[in-house]
Amino acid sequence: MPFIRRRITIKGIKPIQKVHFQFDNYYIYGAVEPSSGDSFILEMPYLNSKCFQLFLDELSFHYKDDFIIMILDNSATHKAKSLVIPNNILLLFLPAYSPELNPIERLWQHIKSKIRFSLFETLNELKQEVSDILMDCTESMIASLTGYSYIVNAITSLMQH
């Protein structure tokens, strides 16, 4: 958030001031099962391959009896050579510039729509609000947001073979 301050200038002259914008951030890693709405979400301090590896490991452990097909964009984080993909996870990469094909993007849009006009004094306030929004999301709501019919049909078809 910018700091608003007054400056005295000659009438008609817009004051110019160098500003150093400071901000804090965090990242949410998530996976959803579009037909059921089951989700797995972790908050991380960075967007990098180490955090993504931790996310994959936790996801794999949490669903150790399942085989997971993850649809991902082509982020360098997702394709780092140092990644060790767990045996029960298969990564499928989307074509470039096609986030609308990724089911989790609809969940992110839902969260952003809830906070778009909010101003938070601290990062912890933002984290709490996002957490509250996610806690209010039921599996049926997540399924309705992320359940593209063509993805659900593809999953159903794969499960029958």
N, C-alpha and C. Protein backbone atom coordinates (compact mmCIF):
# COMPACT_ATOMS: atom_id res chain seq x y z
N MET A 1 0.84 -1.17 0.00
CA MET A 1 0.00 0.00 0.00
C MET A 1 0.89 1.23 0.00
N PRO A 2 0.60 2.19 -0.85
CA PRO A 2 1.41 3.41 -0.85
C PRO A 2 1.12 4.25 0.39
N PHE A 3 2.10 5.04 0.77
CA PHE A 3 1.92 5.97 1.88
C PHE A 3 1.48 7.29 1.30
N ILE A 4 0.38 7.83 1.79
CA ILE A 4 -0.16 9.09 1.28
C ILE A 4 0.32 10.21 2.19
N ARG A 5 0.99 11.19 1.58
CA ARG A 5 1.47 12.34 2.32
C ARG A 5 1.21 13.59 1.51
N ARG A 6 1.06 14.70 2.18
CA ARG A 6 0.84 15.98 1.49
C ARG A 6 2.18 16.67 1.26
N ARG A 7 2.26 17.42 0.17
CA ARG A 7 3.45 18.22 -0.13
C ARG A 7 2.98 19.59 -0.61
N ILE A 8 3.69 20.59 -0.23
CA ILE A 8 3.35 21.95 -0.65
C ILE A 8 4.11 22.24 -1.94
N THR A 9 3.35 22.69 -2.98
CA THR A 9 3.95 23.06 -4.26
C THR A 9 3.25 24.31 -4.78
N ILE A 10 3.80 24.85 -5.84
CA ILE A 10 3.17 25.99 -6.51
C ILE A 10 1.89 25.51 -7.16
N LYS A 11 0.85 26.36 -7.14
CA LYS A 11 -0.44 26.00 -7.72
C LYS A 11 -0.26 25.53 -9.16
N GLY A 12 -0.88 24.41 -9.49
CA GLY A 12 -0.81 23.85 -10.83
C GLY A 12 0.37 22.92 -11.05
N ILE A 13 1.24 22.79 -10.08
CA ILE A 13 2.41 21.91 -10.21
C ILE A 13 2.15 20.65 -9.39
N LYS A 14 2.23 19.53 -10.05
CA LYS A 14 2.03 18.26 -9.36
C LYS A 14 3.35 17.86 -8.70
N PRO A 15 3.31 17.57 -7.42
CA PRO A 15 4.57 17.20 -6.74
C PRO A 15 5.07 15.83 -7.22
N ILE A 16 6.36 15.73 -7.34
CA ILE A 16 6.99 14.48 -7.73
C ILE A 16 7.84 14.01 -6.56
N GLN A 17 7.66 12.79 -6.19
CA GLN A 17 8.38 12.24 -5.05
C GLN A 17 8.76 10.81 -5.37
N LYS A 18 10.02 10.48 -5.16
CA LYS A 18 10.43 9.09 -5.33
C LYS A 18 9.83 8.27 -4.19
N VAL A 19 9.33 7.09 -4.54
CA VAL A 19 8.69 6.23 -3.56
C VAL A 19 9.29 4.84 -3.67
N HIS A 20 9.57 4.27 -2.54
CA HIS A 20 10.02 2.88 -2.50
C HIS A 20 8.86 2.06 -1.94
N PHE A 21 8.20 1.30 -2.81
CA PHE A 21 7.08 0.49 -2.37
C PHE A 21 7.61 -0.73 -1.64
N GLN A 22 7.12 -0.93 -0.46
CA GLN A 22 7.50 -2.10 0.31
C GLN A 22 6.28 -2.99 0.44
N PHE A 23 6.48 -4.26 0.29
CA PHE A 23 5.37 -5.18 0.43
C PHE A 23 5.88 -6.52 0.93
N ASP A 24 4.99 -7.24 1.53
CA ASP A 24 5.25 -8.61 1.96
C ASP A 24 4.36 -9.51 1.14
N ASN A 25 4.76 -10.74 0.99
CA ASN A 25 3.91 -11.68 0.27
C ASN A 25 4.09 -13.09 0.81
N TYR A 26 3.22 -13.94 0.37
CA TYR A 26 3.31 -15.36 0.65
C TYR A 26 2.61 -16.06 -0.50
N TYR A 27 2.72 -17.36 -0.53
CA TYR A 27 2.19 -18.12 -1.66
C TYR A 27 1.32 -19.27 -1.17
N ILE A 28 0.32 -19.56 -1.96
CA ILE A 28 -0.55 -20.69 -1.65
C ILE A 28 -0.36 -21.73 -2.76
N TYR A 29 0.01 -22.92 -2.35
CA TYR A 29 0.13 -24.05 -3.26
C TYR A 29 -1.12 -24.90 -3.05
N GLY A 30 -1.71 -25.35 -4.15
CA GLY A 30 -2.92 -26.12 -3.99
C GLY A 30 -3.16 -27.13 -5.09
N ALA A 31 -3.95 -28.12 -4.75
CA ALA A 31 -4.40 -29.13 -5.71
C ALA A 31 -5.86 -29.43 -5.39
N VAL A 32 -6.65 -29.59 -6.43
CA VAL A 32 -8.06 -29.95 -6.25
C VAL A 32 -8.39 -31.15 -7.12
N GLU A 33 -9.35 -31.92 -6.65
CA GLU A 33 -9.90 -33.02 -7.42
C GLU A 33 -11.22 -32.50 -7.97
N PRO A 34 -11.30 -32.18 -9.26
CA PRO A 34 -12.46 -31.46 -9.80
C PRO A 34 -13.80 -32.17 -9.70
N SER A 35 -13.81 -33.49 -9.69
CA SER A 35 -15.11 -34.16 -9.65
C SER A 35 -15.68 -34.24 -8.23
N SER A 36 -14.81 -34.30 -7.22
CA SER A 36 -15.30 -34.39 -5.84
C SER A 36 -15.15 -33.09 -5.05
N GLY A 37 -14.23 -32.23 -5.48
CA GLY A 37 -13.98 -31.00 -4.74
C GLY A 37 -12.99 -31.17 -3.61
N ASP A 38 -12.45 -32.37 -3.45
CA ASP A 38 -11.42 -32.60 -2.44
C ASP A 38 -10.23 -31.70 -2.77
N SER A 39 -9.64 -31.09 -1.74
CA SER A 39 -8.53 -30.18 -2.00
C SER A 39 -7.42 -30.35 -0.98
N PHE A 40 -6.23 -29.95 -1.38
CA PHE A 40 -5.06 -29.98 -0.52
C PHE A 40 -4.33 -28.66 -0.75
N ILE A 41 -4.19 -27.87 0.30
CA ILE A 41 -3.63 -26.52 0.16
C ILE A 41 -2.60 -26.28 1.25
N LEU A 42 -1.46 -25.73 0.84
CA LEU A 42 -0.41 -25.35 1.78
C LEU A 42 -0.01 -23.90 1.56
N GLU A 43 0.26 -23.21 2.64
CA GLU A 43 0.78 -21.84 2.59
C GLU A 43 2.30 -21.94 2.66
N MET A 44 2.97 -21.22 1.77
CA MET A 44 4.43 -21.27 1.72
C MET A 44 5.00 -19.86 1.69
N PRO A 45 6.24 -19.70 2.16
CA PRO A 45 6.84 -18.37 2.17
C PRO A 45 7.41 -17.94 0.81
N TYR A 46 7.68 -18.89 -0.07
CA TYR A 46 8.32 -18.55 -1.35
C TYR A 46 7.67 -19.32 -2.50
N LEU A 47 7.88 -18.82 -3.69
CA LEU A 47 7.49 -19.52 -4.91
C LEU A 47 8.78 -20.00 -5.56
N ASN A 48 9.19 -21.19 -5.18
CA ASN A 48 10.42 -21.74 -5.74
C ASN A 48 10.35 -23.26 -5.76
N SER A 49 11.37 -23.88 -6.32
CA SER A 49 11.34 -25.34 -6.48
C SER A 49 11.43 -26.06 -5.14
N LYS A 50 12.09 -25.48 -4.14
CA LYS A 50 12.17 -26.13 -2.83
C LYS A 50 10.79 -26.20 -2.18
N CYS A 51 10.04 -25.11 -2.25
CA CYS A 51 8.69 -25.12 -1.68
C CYS A 51 7.77 -26.03 -2.49
N PHE A 52 7.95 -26.03 -3.81
CA PHE A 52 7.13 -26.92 -4.64
C PHE A 52 7.44 -28.38 -4.33
N GLN A 53 8.71 -28.69 -4.10
CA GLN A 53 9.09 -30.06 -3.72
C GLN A 53 8.43 -30.45 -2.41
N LEU A 54 8.44 -29.54 -1.45
CA LEU A 54 7.79 -29.81 -0.16
C LEU A 54 6.30 -30.04 -0.35
N PHE A 55 5.67 -29.21 -1.22
CA PHE A 55 4.25 -29.39 -1.51
C PHE A 55 3.99 -30.77 -2.12
N LEU A 56 4.79 -31.16 -3.11
CA LEU A 56 4.61 -32.48 -3.74
C LEU A 56 4.78 -33.60 -2.73
N ASP A 57 5.79 -33.49 -1.88
CA ASP A 57 6.03 -34.53 -0.88
C ASP A 57 4.87 -34.64 0.11
N GLU A 58 4.36 -33.50 0.56
CA GLU A 58 3.23 -33.51 1.50
C GLU A 58 1.95 -34.04 0.83
N LEU A 59 1.73 -33.62 -0.42
CA LEU A 59 0.57 -34.10 -1.17
C LEU A 59 0.65 -35.62 -1.36
N SER A 60 1.82 -36.10 -1.74
CA SER A 60 2.03 -37.53 -1.93
C SER A 60 1.79 -38.30 -0.64
N PHE A 61 2.29 -37.79 0.47
CA PHE A 61 2.11 -38.45 1.75
C PHE A 61 0.64 -38.45 2.18
N HIS A 62 -0.02 -37.32 2.00
CA HIS A 62 -1.42 -37.18 2.41
C HIS A 62 -2.33 -38.13 1.61
N TYR A 63 -1.99 -38.36 0.35
CA TYR A 63 -2.77 -39.24 -0.53
C TYR A 63 -1.93 -40.45 -0.95
N LYS A 64 -1.27 -41.07 0.01
CA LYS A 64 -0.32 -42.15 -0.29
C LYS A 64 -0.95 -43.36 -0.97
N ASP A 65 -2.26 -43.55 -0.81
CA ASP A 65 -2.92 -44.69 -1.42
C ASP A 65 -3.56 -44.36 -2.77
N ASP A 66 -3.36 -43.13 -3.25
CA ASP A 66 -3.96 -42.68 -4.51
C ASP A 66 -2.88 -42.39 -5.54
N PHE A 67 -3.28 -42.44 -6.80
CA PHE A 67 -2.41 -41.99 -7.89
C PHE A 67 -2.93 -40.63 -8.33
N ILE A 68 -2.07 -39.62 -8.33
CA ILE A 68 -2.47 -38.23 -8.57
C ILE A 68 -1.94 -37.76 -9.91
N ILE A 69 -2.84 -37.25 -10.73
CA ILE A 69 -2.45 -36.61 -11.99
C ILE A 69 -2.64 -35.12 -11.78
N MET A 70 -1.54 -34.37 -11.80
CA MET A 70 -1.60 -32.92 -11.57
C MET A 70 -1.44 -32.17 -12.89
N ILE A 71 -2.35 -31.23 -13.11
CA ILE A 71 -2.27 -30.36 -14.28
C ILE A 71 -1.57 -29.08 -13.83
N LEU A 72 -0.51 -28.73 -14.54
CA LEU A 72 0.32 -27.58 -14.14
C LEU A 72 0.63 -26.68 -15.33
N ASP A 73 0.95 -25.43 -15.01
CA ASP A 73 1.45 -24.55 -16.05
C ASP A 73 2.95 -24.84 -16.23
N ASN A 74 3.59 -24.09 -17.09
CA ASN A 74 4.98 -24.36 -17.41
C ASN A 74 5.95 -23.51 -16.60
N SER A 75 5.60 -23.19 -15.38
CA SER A 75 6.47 -22.42 -14.51
C SER A 75 7.80 -23.14 -14.32
N ALA A 76 8.87 -22.38 -14.26
CA ALA A 76 10.18 -22.96 -14.01
C ALA A 76 10.19 -23.71 -12.68
N THR A 77 9.40 -23.25 -11.73
CA THR A 77 9.27 -23.92 -10.43
C THR A 77 8.78 -25.35 -10.60
N HIS A 78 7.86 -25.56 -11.53
CA HIS A 78 7.28 -26.88 -11.74
C HIS A 78 8.17 -27.81 -12.55
N LYS A 79 9.17 -27.24 -13.22
CA LYS A 79 10.01 -28.04 -14.11
C LYS A 79 11.48 -28.08 -13.68
N ALA A 80 11.75 -27.67 -12.45
CA ALA A 80 13.14 -27.65 -11.98
C ALA A 80 13.76 -29.03 -12.06
N LYS A 81 15.00 -29.09 -12.50
CA LYS A 81 15.70 -30.37 -12.63
C LYS A 81 15.93 -31.03 -11.27
N SER A 82 15.94 -30.23 -10.22
CA SER A 82 16.19 -30.78 -8.88
C SER A 82 14.97 -31.47 -8.27
N LEU A 83 13.80 -31.33 -8.91
CA LEU A 83 12.58 -31.93 -8.37
C LEU A 83 12.65 -33.46 -8.43
N VAL A 84 12.18 -34.07 -7.36
CA VAL A 84 12.03 -35.52 -7.31
C VAL A 84 10.53 -35.78 -7.21
N ILE A 85 9.94 -36.21 -8.30
CA ILE A 85 8.50 -36.42 -8.35
C ILE A 85 8.17 -37.73 -7.64
N PRO A 86 7.30 -37.68 -6.63
CA PRO A 86 6.91 -38.90 -5.93
C PRO A 86 6.28 -39.91 -6.89
N ASN A 87 6.40 -41.19 -6.55
CA ASN A 87 5.92 -42.27 -7.42
C ASN A 87 4.41 -42.24 -7.67
N ASN A 88 3.65 -41.66 -6.76
CA ASN A 88 2.20 -41.66 -6.94
C ASN A 88 1.69 -40.35 -7.55
N ILE A 89 2.58 -39.57 -8.14
CA ILE A 89 2.18 -38.31 -8.78
C ILE A 89 2.71 -38.26 -10.21
N LEU A 90 1.82 -37.87 -11.13
CA LEU A 90 2.20 -37.65 -12.53
C LEU A 90 1.90 -36.19 -12.84
N LEU A 91 2.89 -35.48 -13.38
CA LEU A 91 2.70 -34.08 -13.73
C LEU A 91 2.38 -33.96 -15.22
N LEU A 92 1.27 -33.30 -15.54
CA LEU A 92 0.89 -33.00 -16.92
C LEU A 92 0.95 -31.49 -17.11
N PHE A 93 1.68 -31.05 -18.12
CA PHE A 93 1.87 -29.62 -18.32
C PHE A 93 0.94 -29.08 -19.40
N LEU A 94 0.34 -27.96 -19.11
CA LEU A 94 -0.56 -27.28 -20.05
C LEU A 94 0.24 -26.56 -21.13
N PRO A 95 -0.39 -26.27 -22.26
CA PRO A 95 0.26 -25.42 -23.25
C PRO A 95 0.51 -24.03 -22.65
N ALA A 96 1.48 -23.34 -23.18
CA ALA A 96 1.80 -21.99 -22.69
C ALA A 96 0.58 -21.07 -22.79
N TYR A 97 0.47 -20.16 -21.84
CA TYR A 97 -0.56 -19.12 -21.82
C TYR A 97 -1.98 -19.68 -21.85
N SER A 98 -2.23 -20.73 -21.08
CA SER A 98 -3.58 -21.29 -21.03
C SER A 98 -4.01 -21.61 -19.59
N PRO A 99 -3.94 -20.63 -18.70
CA PRO A 99 -4.31 -20.90 -17.31
C PRO A 99 -5.79 -21.28 -17.14
N GLU A 100 -6.62 -20.90 -18.10
CA GLU A 100 -8.04 -21.22 -18.01
C GLU A 100 -8.30 -22.73 -18.08
N LEU A 101 -7.32 -23.50 -18.49
CA LEU A 101 -7.46 -24.94 -18.56
C LEU A 101 -7.13 -25.64 -17.25
N ASN A 102 -6.58 -24.89 -16.29
CA ASN A 102 -6.18 -25.46 -15.02
C ASN A 102 -7.30 -25.27 -14.00
N PRO A 103 -7.87 -26.36 -13.48
CA PRO A 103 -9.01 -26.25 -12.56
C PRO A 103 -8.74 -25.38 -11.32
N ILE A 104 -7.53 -25.45 -10.76
CA ILE A 104 -7.26 -24.70 -9.53
C ILE A 104 -7.35 -23.19 -9.75
N GLU A 105 -7.16 -22.75 -10.99
CA GLU A 105 -7.22 -21.31 -11.28
C GLU A 105 -8.58 -20.72 -10.94
N ARG A 106 -9.64 -21.51 -11.08
CA ARG A 106 -10.98 -21.00 -10.72
C ARG A 106 -11.11 -20.79 -9.21
N LEU A 107 -10.45 -21.64 -8.43
CA LEU A 107 -10.46 -21.44 -6.98
C LEU A 107 -9.69 -20.17 -6.63
N TRP A 108 -8.54 -19.97 -7.27
CA TRP A 108 -7.76 -18.74 -7.02
C TRP A 108 -8.58 -17.51 -7.41
N GLN A 109 -9.30 -17.57 -8.52
CA GLN A 109 -10.14 -16.44 -8.93
C GLN A 109 -11.23 -16.18 -7.90
N HIS A 110 -11.80 -17.23 -7.34
CA HIS A 110 -12.84 -17.08 -6.32
C HIS A 110 -12.27 -16.34 -5.10
N ILE A 111 -11.09 -16.75 -4.65
CA ILE A 111 -10.46 -16.09 -3.50
C ILE A 111 -10.18 -14.62 -3.81
N LYS A 112 -9.61 -14.36 -4.98
CA LYS A 112 -9.29 -12.98 -5.36
C LYS A 112 -10.53 -12.12 -5.45
N SER A 113 -11.64 -12.70 -5.92
CA SER A 113 -12.87 -11.91 -6.03
C SER A 113 -13.39 -11.51 -4.65
N LYS A 114 -13.11 -12.32 -3.64
CA LYS A 114 -13.57 -12.02 -2.29
C LYS A 114 -12.74 -10.93 -1.61
N ILE A 115 -11.48 -10.77 -2.03
CA ILE A 115 -10.61 -9.81 -1.34
C ILE A 115 -10.20 -8.63 -2.21
N ARG A 116 -10.72 -8.54 -3.42
CA ARG A 116 -10.21 -7.56 -4.38
C ARG A 116 -10.28 -6.12 -3.92
N PHE A 117 -11.27 -5.73 -3.14
CA PHE A 117 -11.38 -4.34 -2.72
C PHE A 117 -11.00 -4.14 -1.25
N SER A 118 -10.36 -5.12 -0.69
CA SER A 118 -9.97 -5.05 0.72
C SER A 118 -8.55 -4.52 0.86
N LEU A 119 -8.33 -3.75 1.91
CA LEU A 119 -6.99 -3.30 2.25
C LEU A 119 -6.63 -3.91 3.60
N PHE A 120 -5.48 -4.50 3.67
CA PHE A 120 -5.05 -5.15 4.89
C PHE A 120 -3.85 -4.41 5.44
N GLU A 121 -3.86 -4.18 6.73
CA GLU A 121 -2.76 -3.48 7.39
C GLU A 121 -1.51 -4.35 7.47
N THR A 122 -1.72 -5.64 7.63
CA THR A 122 -0.58 -6.55 7.78
C THR A 122 -0.77 -7.78 6.90
N LEU A 123 0.32 -8.45 6.66
CA LEU A 123 0.27 -9.70 5.90
C LEU A 123 -0.54 -10.75 6.66
N ASN A 124 -0.43 -10.75 7.97
CA ASN A 124 -1.19 -11.73 8.76
C ASN A 124 -2.69 -11.53 8.62
N GLU A 125 -3.15 -10.29 8.48
CA GLU A 125 -4.57 -10.05 8.24
C GLU A 125 -5.01 -10.65 6.91
N LEU A 126 -4.19 -10.48 5.88
CA LEU A 126 -4.50 -11.07 4.58
C LEU A 126 -4.52 -12.59 4.67
N LYS A 127 -3.52 -13.15 5.31
CA LYS A 127 -3.46 -14.61 5.46
C LYS A 127 -4.71 -15.13 6.17
N GLN A 128 -5.13 -14.43 7.21
CA GLN A 128 -6.31 -14.86 7.96
C GLN A 128 -7.56 -14.80 7.10
N GLU A 129 -7.70 -13.73 6.31
CA GLU A 129 -8.87 -13.60 5.44
C GLU A 129 -8.90 -14.70 4.39
N VAL A 130 -7.77 -14.98 3.77
CA VAL A 130 -7.69 -16.04 2.77
C VAL A 130 -7.99 -17.39 3.42
N SER A 131 -7.46 -17.60 4.60
CA SER A 131 -7.73 -18.84 5.33
C SER A 131 -9.22 -18.98 5.63
N ASP A 132 -9.85 -17.89 6.05
CA ASP A 132 -11.29 -17.92 6.33
C ASP A 132 -12.10 -18.25 5.08
N ILE A 133 -11.71 -17.66 3.96
CA ILE A 133 -12.40 -17.94 2.69
C ILE A 133 -12.27 -19.41 2.33
N LEU A 134 -11.05 -19.94 2.47
CA LEU A 134 -10.83 -21.36 2.15
C LEU A 134 -11.60 -22.28 3.10
N MET A 135 -11.68 -21.90 4.36
CA MET A 135 -12.42 -22.72 5.33
C MET A 135 -13.91 -22.73 5.01
N ASP A 136 -14.42 -21.66 4.40
CA ASP A 136 -15.83 -21.59 4.02
C ASP A 136 -16.14 -22.38 2.75
N CYS A 137 -15.10 -22.76 2.02
CA CYS A 137 -15.31 -23.49 0.76
C CYS A 137 -15.58 -24.97 1.06
N THR A 138 -16.77 -25.40 0.73
CA THR A 138 -17.11 -26.81 0.89
C THR A 138 -16.60 -27.59 -0.32
N GLU A 139 -16.56 -28.90 -0.19
CA GLU A 139 -16.13 -29.72 -1.32
C GLU A 139 -17.06 -29.55 -2.52
N SER A 140 -18.36 -29.45 -2.26
CA SER A 140 -19.30 -29.28 -3.38
C SER A 140 -19.09 -27.92 -4.06
N MET A 141 -18.77 -26.90 -3.28
CA MET A 141 -18.51 -25.59 -3.87
C MET A 141 -17.24 -25.63 -4.72
N ILE A 142 -16.19 -26.27 -4.20
CA ILE A 142 -14.94 -26.39 -4.96
C ILE A 142 -15.16 -27.19 -6.23
N ALA A 143 -15.96 -28.27 -6.14
CA ALA A 143 -16.27 -29.07 -7.32
C ALA A 143 -17.01 -28.24 -8.36
N SER A 144 -17.94 -27.38 -7.90
CA SER A 144 -18.68 -26.55 -8.86
C SER A 144 -17.78 -25.50 -9.49
N LEU A 145 -16.77 -25.03 -8.76
CA LEU A 145 -15.84 -24.04 -9.31
C LEU A 145 -14.83 -24.68 -10.28
N THR A 146 -14.36 -25.87 -9.95
CA THR A 146 -13.23 -26.46 -10.68
C THR A 146 -13.61 -27.60 -11.60
N GLY A 147 -14.85 -28.08 -11.53
CA GLY A 147 -15.25 -29.28 -12.25
C GLY A 147 -15.60 -29.05 -13.70
N TYR A 148 -14.63 -28.67 -14.50
CA TYR A 148 -14.85 -28.56 -15.94
C TYR A 148 -15.37 -29.91 -16.43
N SER A 149 -16.40 -29.91 -17.23
CA SER A 149 -16.99 -31.18 -17.67
C SER A 149 -15.99 -32.03 -18.44
N TYR A 150 -15.15 -31.41 -19.26
CA TYR A 150 -14.21 -32.20 -20.06
C TYR A 150 -13.12 -32.82 -19.18
N ILE A 151 -12.77 -32.18 -18.07
CA ILE A 151 -11.79 -32.77 -17.16
C ILE A 151 -12.42 -33.90 -16.36
N VAL A 152 -13.62 -33.68 -15.87
CA VAL A 152 -14.32 -34.73 -15.12
C VAL A 152 -14.53 -35.94 -16.02
N ASN A 153 -14.94 -35.72 -17.27
CA ASN A 153 -15.14 -36.84 -18.21
C ASN A 153 -13.82 -37.57 -18.47
N ALA A 154 -12.73 -36.83 -18.59
CA ALA A 154 -11.43 -37.47 -18.82
C ALA A 154 -11.02 -38.29 -17.61
N ILE A 155 -11.24 -37.77 -16.42
CA ILE A 155 -10.91 -38.51 -15.19
C ILE A 155 -11.75 -39.79 -15.10
N THR A 156 -13.03 -39.65 -15.36
CA THR A 156 -13.94 -40.80 -15.31
C THR A 156 -13.50 -41.85 -16.32
N SER A 157 -13.14 -41.43 -17.50
CA SER A 157 -12.69 -42.35 -18.54
C SER A 157 -11.41 -43.08 -18.13
N LEU A 158 -10.48 -42.33 -17.54
CA LEU A 158 -9.23 -42.95 -17.09
C LEU A 158 -9.46 -43.98 -15.98
N MET A 159 -10.40 -43.66 -15.10
CA MET A 159 -10.67 -44.57 -13.97
C MET A 159 -11.33 -45.86 -14.43
N GLN A 160 -12.03 -45.84 -15.58
CA GLN A 160 -12.72 -47.03 -16.06
C GLN A 160 -11.75 -47.98 -16.77
N HIS A 161 -10.59 -47.47 -17.17
CA HIS A 161 -9.63 -48.32 -17.90
C HIS A 161 -8.64 -48.93 -17.00
